């Protein structure tokens, strides 16, 4: 069978596509063929022919270019780059790790000029110089445990150097980043007694320990900021009310003045500016104007503070509708998208669902330990996402079944960390949407 262009680039992906299975009605799938007469085993008259045929049946030819399984030779090199280069042909999840690296490399290299302009396309997108300036938008999602762990420093590197465009995380992914600006998280053990830790006011996250005072200090810092945001909301509402009364009196049928509302992403940006600490992921996201979406912002310490605030001063409004419009528009207003998702649950679905609005992401890498036997979205395979339109049918997505704190730093070492200065130079004039040129 003839390989597609993508299969030629990635022969590993062709296996299972070009080796066609035959649908048969009977239980015997081996064809009845005479065995080789010169075989010392099959020619033995004492061996039942059916057994010889079953064990020594003729093999189909492997597709041309199929890689051979071969691991790393430490006699030849002990360098990390060389070890990582051997992942694709090692097998199992090592191969998926190698494929994830290749997927991210292709995502970062994509430019609109790699897609031929054709009749019917926007004429403004025809000039080669314009097409070279349009790159893929990179969605990056992670669960809170990634920030609780030392993965925070890896994520901060990406955000500080503007290597991702949109972030999706959970409430813990917000507050744990900020809490670490006040007090450290400590190493512990998975086997420490929950009962004894509770008596001492120490919270356990896997084999990490967070003293309760860390959260108390964080909440002392958040409370006055929440008061200020509430003041700003009320001040802007008073201004809006005056403008709205004038608008109604004028009989104007144009769009009415917009009412200011805090959204989770606006709150997160504000917290990133307020923390003013270069160790923070959110500080760099705010500084570099990278939106951070967290539809479940209230599901944690920030939500606790809003709950307490509501008793002291009701009326603070957090609007999630504006944020869903914002993240979906970022996906729709992209000529190509890629999604890198660490973990599952809300962050995985929210990112994929945004890409559904554009008929799917072009590039996808999942890193999680979820399994699909229970029908959960966390464990759902990339192919299931294809069925929903969250990943394009033309894509070659990759899932690495592994714990992200192990494999993601390795992936970054072979992709984003390889060309920091070159990336900045190559993308300084680039946009992800032609309307931003």
Foldseek 3Di string as FASTA:
>chain_A
DDDDPVCVVPVQVCVVVPPDQDDDDDPDRADDDDDDCPDPPCVPPVDPNVVCCVVVPDDDDDPPPRDAQDAQDVVVDDDLVSNLVRQCRPDDLSVLLNVQLVLQQCQLPDFQLVPQDDPPDDPVCHDPVNRLQAHAAEEEEEELVCLLDPVQQVLLVCLLLVVHFAYEYALSVQLSLLLCLPPNKAFAAQPDDPVVCVVVQWDDDRRIIDHNVSLVVSLVVVQVVVVVVVVVLVVQQVVLVVQQVVVVVVVDPDDRDDRDAAAVQNVLLVVLCVSPDSSGSSVSCNVVVRTYDYLNNLPDSVVVSVVVVCVVPNDHDYDHVVVLVVLLVVLQQFPAYEYEYEFWDPRPCSLLVSNLSNQAHQEYEYEEQADPPVVDRRRDDVVVSCVSSSHPPPHDYGYRNDHCVPSVVSSCVSHVVPCSPVSCVSNVSHDRGSVVD
